């Protein structure tokens, strides 16, 4: 198998975080060989050379190391390609790690059998954020497992974190604990939000008890009137 090596530059879309590859503006990253020949069930190491000029601007540059090969014949030809993303930061001592939780969407009261949650991790720094998000729903005697998701947020971008918990059986006030940890700095941003959960069966039971109480009270009043007479 002949594996072709190529260096591209990548960017991330604002809305859906789609990755787009394009020709690099700076040829700072180069493969030492244009291709590799792989024998069956064998592997080889692809070497790259990185050269950054001394007058490079202090910021982050995004490269993709691509390896591709073509399989099949002329009728059923297809290209198989893999990419490894390279974050190259030119640091003059001005790296800024700034991030926060924004756009929180958590219900205050829930009646459904599931409880959704959503929030965004905003990166307001000038270097990419490696974040490990977490979310957990818990009460006095009940709780879910902590759900973790690893994500990367580009500078001046946001990444949505969404999930759904199966609602507890019992009504009550529960707490959603959510947030993320910056895997580079180790700083954690953790928030909590109370959720009043009222399952539909508890409403039905409350209505039934109220009607039963009303019926008993009316019977009591009727007997009292007859007794007075």
Protein backbone atom coordinates (compact mmCIF):
# COMPACT_ATOMS: atom_id res chain seq x y z
CA UNK A 1 0.00 0.00 0.00
CA UNK A 2 1.32 3.39 -0.98
CA UNK A 3 0.38 6.06 1.57
CA UNK A 4 0.63 9.65 0.40
CA UNK A 5 1.55 12.28 3.00
CA UNK A 6 0.22 15.80 2.80
CA UNK A 7 0.09 18.88 5.03
CA UNK A 8 -3.00 21.08 5.01
CA UNK A 9 -4.35 23.90 7.11
CA UNK A 10 -7.70 23.44 8.87
CA UNK A 11 -10.40 25.74 10.17
CA UNK A 12 -13.51 25.11 12.26
CA UNK A 13 -16.97 26.41 11.37
CA UNK A 14 -18.73 28.82 13.72
CA UNK A 15 -22.16 27.14 13.79
CA UNK A 16 -21.67 23.38 13.49
CA UNK A 17 -17.92 23.15 14.24
CA UNK A 18 -17.30 21.50 10.89
CA UNK A 19 -13.62 21.07 9.98
CA UNK A 20 -12.51 22.42 6.60
CA UNK A 21 -9.12 21.64 5.03
CA UNK A 22 -7.31 24.06 2.74
CA UNK A 23 -3.87 24.75 1.36
CA UNK A 24 -1.54 26.17 4.06
CA UNK A 25 -0.75 29.87 4.05
CA UNK A 26 2.63 29.12 5.64
CA UNK A 27 4.79 26.14 4.69
CA UNK A 28 6.20 25.74 8.21
CA UNK A 29 5.25 22.05 8.48
CA UNK A 30 6.63 19.64 5.90
CA UNK A 31 6.73 15.85 5.61
CA UNK A 32 10.23 14.46 5.17
CA UNK A 33 8.89 12.05 2.54
CA UNK A 34 6.05 12.49 0.10
CA UNK A 35 4.82 8.94 0.55
CA UNK A 36 5.40 5.68 2.39
CA UNK A 37 5.24 2.10 1.11
CA UNK A 38 3.58 -0.23 3.59
CA UNK A 39 3.83 -4.00 3.47
CA UNK A 40 0.81 -6.03 4.63
CA UNK A 41 0.33 -5.97 8.43
CA UNK A 42 3.29 -3.59 8.84
CA UNK A 43 3.59 -0.02 10.09
CA UNK A 44 5.98 2.88 9.54
CA UNK A 45 6.60 6.23 11.22
CA UNK A 46 5.98 9.38 9.21
CA UNK A 47 8.44 12.15 10.10
CA UNK A 48 7.69 15.85 9.81
CA UNK A 49 9.82 18.95 10.13
CA UNK A 50 8.51 22.15 11.71
CA UNK A 51 10.28 25.42 10.97
CA UNK A 52 8.88 28.64 12.45
CA UNK A 53 10.41 31.97 11.40
CA UNK A 54 11.58 34.33 14.13
CA UNK A 55 9.18 37.06 12.96
CA UNK A 56 6.08 34.86 13.20
CA UNK A 57 3.10 36.52 14.85
CA UNK A 58 2.28 35.36 18.37
CA UNK A 59 -0.86 33.27 17.84
CA UNK A 60 -2.07 29.76 17.16
CA UNK A 61 -1.76 28.09 13.75
CA UNK A 62 -3.73 25.02 12.73
CA UNK A 63 -2.32 22.26 10.57
CA UNK A 64 -3.57 18.83 9.54
CA UNK A 65 -1.22 15.95 8.76
CA UNK A 66 -3.00 13.84 6.16
CA UNK A 67 -2.29 10.28 5.12
CA UNK A 68 -4.27 8.84 2.20
CA UNK A 69 -4.30 5.85 -0.10
CA UNK A 70 -6.39 4.73 -3.08
CA UNK A 71 -7.97 1.28 -3.20
CA UNK A 72 -10.00 -0.64 -5.76
CA UNK A 73 -9.97 -0.48 -9.57
CA UNK A 74 -11.19 2.15 -12.02
CA UNK A 75 -14.80 1.03 -11.54
CA UNK A 76 -14.82 0.95 -7.74
CA UNK A 77 -11.99 3.28 -6.84
CA UNK A 78 -12.08 5.01 -3.47
CA UNK A 79 -9.69 7.04 -1.34
CA UNK A 80 -9.15 6.29 2.34
CA UNK A 81 -7.81 9.23 4.33
CA UNK A 82 -6.95 9.92 7.95
CA UNK A 83 -5.87 13.19 9.56
CA UNK A 84 -4.00 14.18 12.68
CA UNK A 85 -4.58 17.77 13.80
CA UNK A 86 -1.58 19.85 14.86
CA UNK A 87 -2.03 22.96 17.02
CA UNK A 88 1.07 25.12 16.63
CA UNK A 89 1.22 28.04 19.04
CA UNK A 90 3.87 30.76 18.77
CA UNK A 91 4.13 31.92 22.38
CA UNK A 92 5.81 35.15 23.32
CA UNK A 93 4.49 34.92 26.86
CA UNK A 94 1.03 36.16 25.94
CA UNK A 95 -0.95 32.92 25.92
CA UNK A 96 -4.40 33.63 27.36
CA UNK A 97 -6.51 30.82 28.77
CA UNK A 98 -9.97 32.35 29.27
CA UNK A 99 -13.25 30.46 29.13
CA UNK A 100 -16.71 30.39 30.68
CA UNK A 101 -20.11 28.70 30.64
CA UNK A 102 -22.73 30.52 28.57
CA UNK A 103 -26.16 29.95 27.04
CA UNK A 104 -27.41 27.62 29.76
CA UNK A 105 -30.71 25.88 28.95
CA UNK A 106 -31.97 23.89 31.93
CA UNK A 107 -35.65 23.52 32.91
CA UNK A 108 -36.73 24.95 36.26
CA UNK A 109 -39.77 22.65 36.48
CA UNK A 110 -40.10 19.31 34.68
CA UNK A 111 -43.05 16.96 34.29
CA UNK A 112 -41.61 14.63 31.63
CA UNK A 113 -39.94 11.24 31.97
CA UNK A 114 -36.64 12.76 30.83
CA UNK A 115 -34.81 15.91 31.90
CA UNK A 116 -32.71 17.63 29.19
CA UNK A 117 -29.85 20.02 29.74
CA UNK A 118 -27.68 22.15 27.50
CA UNK A 119 -24.94 24.72 27.94
CA UNK A 120 -22.10 26.20 25.92
CA UNK A 121 -18.41 26.42 26.69
CA UNK A 122 -17.08 29.76 25.46
CA UNK A 123 -13.37 30.18 24.72
CA UNK A 124 -12.47 33.87 24.95
CA UNK A 125 -8.71 33.28 25.04
CA UNK A 126 -6.22 33.15 22.17
CA UNK A 127 -5.32 29.45 22.34
CA UNK A 128 -7.48 26.37 21.84
CA UNK A 129 -9.26 24.94 24.88
CA UNK A 130 -9.12 21.23 25.73
CA UNK A 131 -12.19 20.82 27.92
CA UNK A 132 -13.67 17.87 29.77
CA UNK A 133 -17.33 18.66 30.41
CA UNK A 134 -19.43 16.95 33.06
CA UNK A 135 -23.06 16.80 34.17
CA UNK A 136 -24.82 14.99 37.01
CA UNK A 137 -28.37 15.05 38.38
CA UNK A 138 -28.84 14.15 42.04
CA UNK A 139 -31.21 14.45 44.98
CA UNK A 140 -31.26 13.41 48.65
CA UNK A 141 -31.37 9.66 48.01
CA UNK A 142 -31.03 9.42 44.23
CA UNK A 143 -28.44 10.37 41.64
CA UNK A 144 -27.11 9.65 38.17
CA UNK A 145 -23.58 8.87 37.08
CA UNK A 146 -21.38 11.79 36.12
CA UNK A 147 -21.45 12.15 32.32
CA UNK A 148 -18.11 13.28 30.85
CA UNK A 149 -17.44 14.56 27.33
CA UNK A 150 -14.08 15.63 25.91
CA UNK A 151 -14.14 18.49 23.44
CA UNK A 152 -11.90 21.13 21.88
CA UNK A 153 -13.03 24.75 21.60
CA UNK A 154 -11.22 27.11 19.26
CA UNK A 155 -10.41 30.72 20.28
CA UNK A 156 -13.41 33.09 20.18
CA UNK A 157 -15.73 30.14 19.60
CA UNK A 158 -18.32 28.23 21.61
CA UNK A 159 -19.08 24.53 21.77
CA UNK A 160 -22.50 23.24 22.84
CA UNK A 161 -22.81 20.45 25.38
CA UNK A 162 -26.17 18.65 25.43
CA UNK A 163 -27.62 15.64 27.18
CA UNK A 164 -30.71 14.00 28.63
CA UNK A 165 -31.17 12.28 31.99
CA UNK A 166 -33.85 9.73 32.77
CA UNK A 167 -36.08 11.40 35.33
CA UNK A 168 -36.26 10.00 38.88
CA UNK A 169 -39.36 8.17 40.11
CA UNK A 170 -40.12 10.38 43.09
CA UNK A 171 -41.11 14.04 42.91
CA UNK A 172 -38.91 16.59 44.64
CA UNK A 173 -36.24 19.23 44.20
CA UNK A 174 -33.16 17.91 42.44
CA UNK A 175 -29.84 19.57 41.61
CA UNK A 176 -28.08 19.52 38.26
CA UNK A 177 -24.32 19.97 38.67
CA UNK A 178 -22.59 20.81 35.39
CA UNK A 179 -19.49 22.49 33.97
CA UNK A 180 -16.07 21.64 32.60
CA UNK A 181 -12.37 21.37 33.41
CA UNK A 182 -9.58 22.95 31.36
CA UNK A 183 -7.25 19.99 30.86
CA UNK A 184 -4.22 22.26 30.33
CA UNK A 185 -4.55 24.56 33.34
CA UNK A 186 -6.58 22.18 35.52
CA UNK A 187 -9.09 24.95 36.31
CA UNK A 188 -12.67 23.78 36.79
CA UNK A 189 -15.85 25.78 36.25
CA UNK A 190 -18.73 24.05 38.05
CA UNK A 191 -22.28 25.39 38.34
CA UNK A 192 -25.48 24.07 39.92
CA UNK A 193 -29.12 24.52 39.00
CA UNK A 194 -32.18 23.35 41.01
CA UNK A 195 -34.90 21.47 39.14
CA UNK A 196 -38.37 20.89 40.56
CA UNK A 197 -39.53 17.51 39.30
CA UNK A 198 -43.24 16.70 39.36
CA UNK A 199 -44.05 13.40 37.62
CA UNK A 200 -47.46 13.09 36.04
CA UNK A 201 -48.39 10.16 38.26
CA UNK A 202 -47.92 12.35 41.35
CA UNK A 203 -50.29 14.95 39.88
CA UNK A 204 -52.87 12.24 39.26
CA UNK A 205 -52.45 10.97 42.82
CA UNK A 206 -52.77 14.51 44.22
CA UNK A 207 -55.96 15.10 42.22
CA UNK A 208 -57.36 11.75 43.35
CA UNK A 209 -56.58 12.51 47.00
CA UNK A 210 -58.11 15.97 46.68
CA UNK A 211 -61.31 14.56 45.18
CA UNK A 212 -61.41 11.87 47.86
CA UNK A 213 -60.91 14.48 50.58
CA UNK A 214 -63.60 16.67 49.05
CA UNK A 215 -66.01 13.73 48.91
CA UNK A 216 -65.31 12.79 52.53
CA UNK A 217 -65.77 16.40 53.63
CA UNK A 218 -69.09 16.64 51.80
CA UNK A 219 -70.29 13.42 53.42
CA UNK A 220 -69.20 14.73 56.80
CA UNK A 221 -71.04 17.98 56.23
CA UNK A 222 -74.15 16.08 55.11
CA UNK A 223 -74.13 13.94 58.24
CA UNK A 224 -73.58 17.02 60.40
CA UNK A 225 -76.61 18.78 58.88
CA UNK A 226 -78.80 15.71 59.49
CA UNK A 227 -77.53 15.51 63.09
CA UNK A 228 -78.41 19.18 63.71
CA UNK A 229 -81.89 18.61 62.34
